[in-house]
């Protein structure tokens, strides 16, 4: 039973990966368009610069855990 479900799981995972890649490409293009509308220099406050840090703090740990060889 496990062998018959494995290809199905692989297919679902690849579809999810493709969808995520498509969404990332869309967001990159959207950012490019929106940034073209902004002035050259944008002044930010210290609180504005610190805001993104908590949201992205776990990303590096998740990525490094994914690529560590299993023991």
N, C-alpha and C. Protein backbone atom coordinates (compact mmCIF):
# COMPACT_ATOMS: atom_id res chain seq x y z
N UNK A 1 0.81 -1.19 0.00
CA UNK A 1 0.00 0.00 0.00
C UNK A 1 0.86 1.26 0.00
N UNK A 2 1.96 1.24 0.74
CA UNK A 2 2.82 2.41 0.81
C UNK A 2 3.42 2.74 -0.54
N UNK A 3 3.78 1.71 -1.30
CA UNK A 3 4.40 1.95 -2.61
C UNK A 3 3.41 2.53 -3.61
N UNK A 4 2.16 2.19 -3.47
CA UNK A 4 1.17 2.72 -4.41
C UNK A 4 0.83 4.17 -4.10
N UNK A 5 0.94 4.60 -2.86
CA UNK A 5 0.63 5.97 -2.49
C UNK A 5 1.81 6.92 -2.69
N UNK A 6 3.01 6.39 -2.68
CA UNK A 6 4.20 7.23 -2.80
C UNK A 6 4.18 8.11 -4.06
N UNK A 7 3.92 7.57 -5.26
CA UNK A 7 3.88 8.44 -6.44
C UNK A 7 2.82 9.54 -6.33
N UNK A 8 1.72 9.24 -5.68
CA UNK A 8 0.68 10.25 -5.49
C UNK A 8 1.19 11.39 -4.61
N UNK A 9 1.88 11.05 -3.54
CA UNK A 9 2.43 12.07 -2.65
C UNK A 9 3.50 12.90 -3.36
N UNK A 10 4.31 12.26 -4.17
CA UNK A 10 5.35 12.97 -4.92
C UNK A 10 4.70 13.95 -5.89
N UNK A 11 3.65 13.51 -6.56
CA UNK A 11 2.95 14.38 -7.51
C UNK A 11 2.34 15.58 -6.78
N UNK A 12 1.70 15.34 -5.65
CA UNK A 12 1.09 16.43 -4.88
C UNK A 12 2.14 17.42 -4.40
N UNK A 13 3.27 16.91 -3.95
CA UNK A 13 4.35 17.78 -3.48
C UNK A 13 4.90 18.63 -4.62
N UNK A 14 5.05 18.05 -5.81
CA UNK A 14 5.59 18.81 -6.93
C UNK A 14 4.59 19.86 -7.39
N UNK A 15 3.30 19.55 -7.34
CA UNK A 15 2.29 20.54 -7.70
C UNK A 15 2.34 21.71 -6.72
N UNK A 16 2.48 21.41 -5.44
CA UNK A 16 2.57 22.45 -4.43
C UNK A 16 3.80 23.31 -4.67
N UNK A 17 4.92 22.68 -4.98
CA UNK A 17 6.16 23.42 -5.25
C UNK A 17 5.99 24.33 -6.46
N UNK A 18 5.34 23.82 -7.51
CA UNK A 18 5.12 24.61 -8.71
C UNK A 18 4.22 25.80 -8.42
N UNK A 19 3.18 25.58 -7.64
CA UNK A 19 2.27 26.66 -7.29
C UNK A 19 2.99 27.73 -6.46
N UNK A 20 3.81 27.30 -5.52
CA UNK A 20 4.57 28.27 -4.72
C UNK A 20 5.55 29.06 -5.59
N UNK A 21 6.19 28.39 -6.52
CA UNK A 21 7.12 29.07 -7.42
C UNK A 21 6.38 30.09 -8.28
N UNK A 22 5.18 29.75 -8.73
CA UNK A 22 4.39 30.68 -9.51
C UNK A 22 3.97 31.90 -8.68
N UNK A 23 3.60 31.67 -7.44
CA UNK A 23 3.22 32.77 -6.56
C UNK A 23 4.41 33.69 -6.27
N UNK A 24 5.57 33.10 -6.06
CA UNK A 24 6.78 33.90 -5.81
C UNK A 24 7.11 34.75 -7.03
N UNK A 25 7.01 34.17 -8.22
CA UNK A 25 7.28 34.93 -9.45
C UNK A 25 6.30 36.09 -9.59
N UNK A 26 5.04 35.85 -9.28
CA UNK A 26 4.03 36.91 -9.34
C UNK A 26 4.36 38.02 -8.36
N UNK A 27 4.70 37.66 -7.12
CA UNK A 27 5.00 38.67 -6.10
C UNK A 27 6.26 39.46 -6.44
N UNK A 28 7.25 38.80 -7.04
CA UNK A 28 8.46 39.52 -7.46
C UNK A 28 8.13 40.57 -8.51
N UNK A 29 7.30 40.19 -9.48
CA UNK A 29 6.91 41.12 -10.54
C UNK A 29 6.08 42.27 -9.96
N UNK A 30 5.17 41.94 -9.04
CA UNK A 30 4.35 42.97 -8.41
C UNK A 30 5.23 43.96 -7.64
N UNK A 31 6.21 43.45 -6.90
CA UNK A 31 7.14 44.33 -6.16
C UNK A 31 7.93 45.22 -7.12
N UNK A 32 8.33 44.67 -8.24
CA UNK A 32 9.08 45.44 -9.23
C UNK A 32 8.23 46.61 -9.75
N UNK A 33 6.96 46.33 -10.04
CA UNK A 33 6.06 47.37 -10.54
C UNK A 33 5.83 48.44 -9.48
N UNK A 34 5.56 48.01 -8.25
CA UNK A 34 5.29 48.96 -7.18
C UNK A 34 6.52 49.79 -6.82
N UNK A 35 7.70 49.17 -6.84
CA UNK A 35 8.92 49.91 -6.52
C UNK A 35 9.23 50.97 -7.58
N UNK A 36 8.82 50.72 -8.81
CA UNK A 36 9.04 51.70 -9.87
C UNK A 36 8.25 52.97 -9.60
N UNK A 37 7.17 52.88 -8.85
CA UNK A 37 6.34 54.05 -8.54
C UNK A 37 6.89 54.86 -7.37
N UNK A 38 7.79 54.29 -6.60
CA UNK A 38 8.31 54.96 -5.40
C UNK A 38 9.40 55.96 -5.75
N UNK A 39 9.58 56.97 -4.89
CA UNK A 39 10.71 57.89 -5.10
C UNK A 39 12.03 57.17 -4.84
N UNK A 40 13.12 57.80 -5.24
CA UNK A 40 14.45 57.18 -5.09
C UNK A 40 14.80 56.91 -3.63
N UNK A 41 14.59 57.88 -2.76
CA UNK A 41 14.95 57.75 -1.35
C UNK A 41 13.69 57.69 -0.49
N UNK A 42 13.65 56.73 0.40
CA UNK A 42 12.55 56.61 1.34
C UNK A 42 13.16 56.59 2.73
N UNK A 43 12.72 57.51 3.56
CA UNK A 43 13.23 57.57 4.93
C UNK A 43 12.31 56.77 5.84
N UNK A 44 12.89 55.89 6.62
CA UNK A 44 12.11 55.07 7.54
C UNK A 44 12.52 55.37 8.98
N UNK A 45 11.60 55.12 9.88
CA UNK A 45 11.90 55.28 11.29
C UNK A 45 12.53 53.98 11.81
N UNK A 46 13.11 54.04 12.99
CA UNK A 46 13.72 52.84 13.56
C UNK A 46 12.68 51.74 13.77
N UNK A 47 11.48 52.11 14.23
CA UNK A 47 10.44 51.09 14.45
C UNK A 47 10.01 50.44 13.14
N UNK A 48 10.03 51.18 12.04
CA UNK A 48 9.69 50.59 10.74
C UNK A 48 10.76 49.61 10.27
N UNK A 49 12.02 49.92 10.56
CA UNK A 49 13.11 49.03 10.15
C UNK A 49 13.13 47.74 10.96
N UNK A 50 12.66 47.78 12.19
CA UNK A 50 12.70 46.61 13.08
C UNK A 50 11.50 45.69 12.83
N UNK A 51 10.40 46.19 12.31
CA UNK A 51 9.19 45.40 12.11
C UNK A 51 9.39 44.10 11.34
N UNK A 52 10.09 44.08 10.22
CA UNK A 52 10.20 42.82 9.47
C UNK A 52 11.02 41.74 10.17
N UNK A 53 11.85 42.11 11.13
CA UNK A 53 12.74 41.13 11.75
C UNK A 53 12.01 39.98 12.44
N UNK A 54 11.02 40.22 13.29
CA UNK A 54 10.35 39.08 13.92
C UNK A 54 9.63 38.18 12.91
N UNK A 55 9.09 38.76 11.86
CA UNK A 55 8.36 37.96 10.88
C UNK A 55 9.29 37.01 10.14
N UNK A 56 10.51 37.41 9.87
CA UNK A 56 11.42 36.57 9.11
C UNK A 56 12.48 35.88 9.93
N UNK A 57 12.42 36.00 11.24
CA UNK A 57 13.49 35.48 12.08
C UNK A 57 13.64 33.97 11.99
N UNK A 58 12.57 33.21 11.83
CA UNK A 58 12.66 31.76 11.79
C UNK A 58 12.96 31.20 10.42
N UNK A 59 12.99 32.04 9.39
CA UNK A 59 13.18 31.53 8.03
C UNK A 59 14.54 30.87 7.85
N UNK A 60 15.58 31.47 8.34
CA UNK A 60 16.92 30.91 8.17
C UNK A 60 17.03 29.56 8.86
N UNK A 61 16.48 29.44 10.06
CA UNK A 61 16.53 28.17 10.79
C UNK A 61 15.78 27.08 10.03
N UNK A 62 14.62 27.41 9.48
CA UNK A 62 13.83 26.43 8.74
C UNK A 62 14.60 25.97 7.52
N UNK A 63 15.20 26.90 6.78
CA UNK A 63 15.93 26.55 5.56
C UNK A 63 17.14 25.68 5.88
N UNK A 64 17.89 25.99 6.94
CA UNK A 64 19.07 25.20 7.26
C UNK A 64 18.69 23.82 7.75
N UNK A 65 17.56 23.70 8.47
CA UNK A 65 17.11 22.39 8.94
C UNK A 65 16.70 21.51 7.76
N UNK A 66 16.14 22.09 6.73
CA UNK A 66 15.70 21.32 5.57
C UNK A 66 16.87 20.69 4.84
N UNK A 67 18.03 21.32 4.86
CA UNK A 67 19.16 20.84 4.08
C UNK A 67 20.22 20.11 4.90
N UNK A 68 19.95 19.87 6.16
CA UNK A 68 20.89 19.12 6.97
C UNK A 68 20.73 17.63 6.66
N UNK A 69 21.84 16.91 6.50
CA UNK A 69 21.73 15.47 6.22
C UNK A 69 21.14 14.73 7.44
N UNK A 70 20.31 13.76 7.16
CA UNK A 70 19.73 12.99 8.26
C UNK A 70 20.78 12.04 8.82
N UNK A 71 20.70 11.79 10.11
CA UNK A 71 21.70 10.95 10.76
C UNK A 71 21.13 9.62 11.14
